[in-house]
Amino acid sequence: MMKKAIVAVLLFFAAAQFTKAQTKVAMGPAVKKMNDSLCNCMSKVDFDKIHNGKDAESAFSDCFTKHADLLVDVAAEKKISITDDTAMNKLGEEIGKNLMSENCSAAVKLGVKMAANDDQPETSTTEGVFKRIDLKGFNYLVIKDAGNSEKSFLWLRQFTGSEGFMTDAAKMIGKKVKVTWQEIEVYVPEAKGYYKVKEITGVDVL
């Protein structure tokens, strides 16, 4: 149905190679109207509010929902039944290609956000007072939060703010910090199993 076409467009843009030139194809009046309406809608998106792939997908979907009625005319022009899921999937992909071939910059910008997608784990933050570094094969930064509970964070890779802990971590003791972290799953040989840990992606001194 019409939702299939919308999903197909989203999938197309999420996987698109935006560096490749797109060959323009002839569009009928209904297809052209759909393309122009979608591009115009996406051009009005406030990109300052598009922070990730989910935001981009939501903006994309909103524009398609607003102009879903035009899909009926496009399907008729293409001699496609809107109850034909396979045909509507192909139509959705075609609409995605049209937006790219017509150089709709707003659609491409949203598509780039979706293509980058959020394969990366979401980050969280924890504030507290830096206490020490524990050595357990890897370094773990330990802070005490507002609830007087100790929290441990894995220092696995270089992160923003790591220099202050590399030179003389003792000087950081007692300072209030904000740790930005992401949850990852690692294999712990001693325990012979996989465990979730909080990997540091940044530390700010407050």
Protein backbone atom coordinates (compact mmCIF):
# COMPACT_ATOMS: atom_id res chain seq x y z
CA MET A 1 0.00 0.00 0.00
CA MET A 2 1.06 3.67 0.14
CA LYS A 3 3.05 3.06 3.32
CA LYS A 4 5.17 0.57 1.37
CA ALA A 5 6.26 3.31 -1.03
CA ILE A 6 7.25 5.58 1.85
CA VAL A 7 9.27 2.82 3.51
CA ALA A 8 10.97 2.02 0.19
CA VAL A 9 12.02 5.65 -0.24
CA LEU A 10 13.45 5.73 3.28
CA LEU A 11 15.37 2.51 2.68
CA PHE A 12 16.66 3.83 -0.64
CA PHE A 13 18.02 6.99 0.92
CA ALA A 14 19.45 5.14 3.92
CA ALA A 15 21.54 2.99 1.57
CA ALA A 16 22.18 5.52 -1.24
CA GLN A 17 25.63 6.40 -2.55
CA PHE A 18 25.35 10.19 -2.63
CA THR A 19 28.70 10.68 -4.34
CA LYS A 20 27.48 8.97 -7.48
CA ALA A 21 25.85 11.07 -10.18
CA GLN A 22 22.25 10.17 -10.84
CA THR A 23 20.97 9.97 -14.40
CA LYS A 24 17.88 12.08 -14.99
CA VAL A 25 14.81 10.22 -16.16
CA ALA A 26 11.66 11.47 -17.87
CA MET A 27 8.83 12.13 -15.41
CA GLY A 28 5.12 12.31 -16.12
CA PRO A 29 3.03 15.20 -14.75
CA ALA A 30 1.91 13.31 -11.62
CA VAL A 31 5.44 12.11 -10.83
CA LYS A 32 6.85 15.61 -11.42
CA LYS A 33 4.23 17.13 -9.11
CA MET A 34 5.05 14.55 -6.42
CA ASN A 35 8.77 15.17 -6.77
CA ASP A 36 8.45 18.97 -6.63
CA SER A 37 6.03 18.85 -3.69
CA LEU A 38 8.31 16.59 -1.67
CA CYS A 39 11.40 18.64 -2.45
CA ASN A 40 9.61 21.87 -1.54
CA CYS A 41 8.48 20.34 1.77
CA MET A 42 11.96 19.07 2.62
CA SER A 43 13.48 22.45 1.74
CA LYS A 44 11.46 23.95 4.61
CA VAL A 45 12.93 21.54 7.18
CA ASP A 46 14.83 23.22 10.02
CA PHE A 47 18.15 21.40 9.71
CA ASP A 48 19.32 22.84 13.03
CA LYS A 49 16.88 20.36 14.58
CA ILE A 50 18.16 17.36 12.58
CA HIS A 51 20.75 15.79 14.86
CA ASN A 52 20.75 12.16 13.74
CA GLY A 53 19.36 9.56 11.37
CA LYS A 54 16.11 9.22 13.31
CA ASP A 55 15.43 12.95 13.07
CA ALA A 56 16.10 12.87 9.33
CA GLU A 57 13.86 9.85 8.84
CA SER A 58 11.08 11.55 10.77
CA ALA A 59 11.33 14.72 8.64
CA PHE A 60 11.36 12.58 5.49
CA SER A 61 8.29 10.63 6.60
CA ASP A 62 6.40 13.79 7.57
CA CYS A 63 6.79 15.21 4.08
CA PHE A 64 5.61 11.98 2.48
CA THR A 65 2.64 11.77 4.81
CA LYS A 66 1.61 15.34 3.95
CA HIS A 67 1.63 14.46 0.24
CA ALA A 68 0.49 10.84 0.44
CA ASP A 69 -2.60 11.70 -1.61
CA LEU A 70 -0.36 12.44 -4.60
CA LEU A 71 0.80 8.82 -4.58
CA VAL A 72 -2.64 7.80 -5.81
CA ASP A 73 -2.20 9.95 -8.92
CA VAL A 74 1.38 8.71 -9.39
CA ALA A 75 0.26 5.09 -9.12
CA ALA A 76 -2.50 5.74 -11.68
CA GLU A 77 -0.03 7.42 -14.03
CA LYS A 78 2.30 4.43 -13.69
CA LYS A 79 -0.65 2.02 -14.04
CA ILE A 80 0.16 0.54 -10.62
CA SER A 81 -2.37 -0.74 -8.11
CA ILE A 82 -1.81 0.77 -4.67
CA THR A 83 -2.64 -2.63 -3.20
CA ASP A 84 0.34 -4.19 -5.02
CA ASP A 85 3.07 -4.15 -2.36
CA THR A 86 5.87 -5.13 -4.75
CA ALA A 87 4.93 -2.44 -7.27
CA MET A 88 4.60 0.20 -4.55
CA ASN A 89 8.03 -0.73 -3.20
CA LYS A 90 9.50 -0.18 -6.67
CA LEU A 91 7.61 3.08 -6.99
CA GLY A 92 9.03 4.30 -3.69
CA GLU A 93 12.55 3.53 -4.83
CA GLU A 94 11.86 5.34 -8.11
CA ILE A 95 10.68 8.43 -6.21
CA GLY A 96 13.91 8.36 -4.21
CA LYS A 97 15.96 8.20 -7.40
CA ASN A 98 13.96 11.07 -8.88
CA LEU A 99 14.69 13.29 -5.88
CA MET A 100 18.39 12.63 -6.34
CA SER A 101 18.41 12.97 -10.13
CA GLU A 102 16.63 16.32 -9.83
CA ASN A 103 19.30 17.44 -7.34
CA CYS A 104 16.91 18.14 -4.49
CA SER A 105 19.58 19.32 -2.06
CA ALA A 106 17.30 19.13 1.00
CA ALA A 107 16.43 15.49 0.25
CA VAL A 108 20.10 14.66 -0.24
CA LYS A 109 21.03 16.35 3.05
CA LEU A 110 18.39 14.34 4.88
CA GLY A 111 19.51 11.20 3.05
CA VAL A 112 23.12 11.72 4.09
CA LYS A 113 21.97 11.86 7.71
CA MET A 114 20.08 8.61 7.25
CA ALA A 115 22.93 6.95 5.36
CA ALA A 116 25.32 7.85 8.17
CA ASN A 117 22.67 6.27 10.35
CA ASP A 118 22.97 5.47 13.94
CA ASP A 119 25.03 2.33 13.81
CA GLN A 120 27.06 4.07 16.48
CA PRO A 121 25.81 3.44 20.01
CA GLU A 122 23.94 6.31 21.61
CA THR A 123 25.95 8.28 24.15
CA SER A 124 25.00 9.21 27.69
CA THR A 125 26.59 11.44 30.30
CA THR A 126 27.31 11.05 34.01
CA GLU A 127 28.57 13.80 36.30
CA GLY A 128 30.53 13.33 39.49
CA VAL A 129 33.82 13.83 41.29
CA PHE A 130 36.89 12.07 39.90
CA LYS A 131 38.28 9.60 42.44
CA ARG A 132 40.91 7.43 40.79
CA ILE A 133 41.97 5.19 37.90
CA ASP A 134 41.64 1.45 38.40
CA LEU A 135 43.98 -0.83 36.45
CA LYS A 136 42.17 -3.99 35.32
CA GLY A 137 43.91 -4.90 32.11
CA PHE A 138 42.50 -1.62 30.79
CA ASN A 139 42.20 1.66 32.66
CA TYR A 140 38.88 2.46 34.32
CA LEU A 141 38.05 6.00 35.41
CA VAL A 142 36.12 5.99 38.67
CA ILE A 143 33.92 8.89 39.74
CA LYS A 144 31.53 9.39 42.65
CA ASP A 145 28.13 10.68 41.57
CA ALA A 146 25.65 12.93 43.40
CA GLY A 147 24.20 9.88 45.14
CA ASN A 148 27.65 9.13 46.61
CA SER A 149 27.86 6.00 44.43
CA GLU A 150 31.02 5.07 42.56
CA LYS A 151 30.73 4.66 38.79
CA SER A 152 33.39 3.04 36.63
CA PHE A 153 34.05 3.83 32.95
CA LEU A 154 36.31 1.97 30.53
CA TRP A 155 39.21 3.88 28.95
CA LEU A 156 39.51 1.86 25.75
CA ARG A 157 40.50 4.41 23.13
CA GLN A 158 41.66 8.00 22.92
CA PHE A 159 38.88 10.37 23.88
CA THR A 160 38.37 14.11 24.17
CA GLY A 161 39.95 15.22 27.44
CA SER A 162 42.13 12.12 27.90
CA GLU A 163 45.35 14.16 27.94
CA GLY A 164 44.64 15.45 31.44
CA PHE A 165 44.53 11.90 32.78
CA MET A 166 47.56 10.68 30.81
CA THR A 167 50.06 13.19 32.20
CA ASP A 168 49.19 13.29 35.90
CA ALA A 169 45.84 11.80 36.87
CA ALA A 170 46.51 12.57 40.54
CA LYS A 171 46.01 16.28 39.82
CA MET A 172 42.48 15.52 38.62
CA ILE A 173 41.39 13.89 41.89
CA GLY A 174 38.56 15.79 43.54
CA LYS A 175 37.59 17.70 40.40
CA LYS A 176 34.03 17.59 39.17
CA VAL A 177 33.79 16.04 35.72
CA LYS A 178 31.20 15.06 33.16
CA VAL A 179 31.88 11.70 31.50
CA THR A 180 30.33 11.06 28.10
CA TRP A 181 30.07 7.33 27.44
CA GLN A 182 28.56 4.66 25.23
CA GLU A 183 27.56 1.16 26.20
CA ILE A 184 29.46 -1.59 24.37
CA GLU A 185 29.74 -5.34 24.79
CA VAL A 186 33.21 -6.80 25.37
CA TYR A 187 34.59 -10.25 25.98
CA VAL A 188 36.09 -10.74 29.44
CA PRO A 189 38.53 -13.70 29.34
CA GLU A 190 38.55 -14.18 33.11
CA ALA A 191 34.79 -14.54 33.20
CA LYS A 192 34.66 -16.39 29.85
CA GLY A 193 31.75 -14.33 28.66
CA TYR A 194 30.55 -11.07 27.14
CA TYR A 195 29.66 -8.16 29.37
CA LYS A 196 28.35 -4.66 28.79
CA VAL A 197 30.64 -1.83 29.85
CA LYS A 198 30.53 1.95 29.64
CA GLU A 199 33.23 3.12 27.24
CA ILE A 200 34.42 6.72 27.62
CA THR A 201 34.03 8.94 24.56
CA GLY A 202 34.85 12.21 26.33
CA VAL A 203 35.49 13.84 29.70
CA ASP A 204 34.87 17.50 30.52
CA VAL A 205 36.12 19.18 33.67
CA LEU A 206 33.27 21.24 35.13
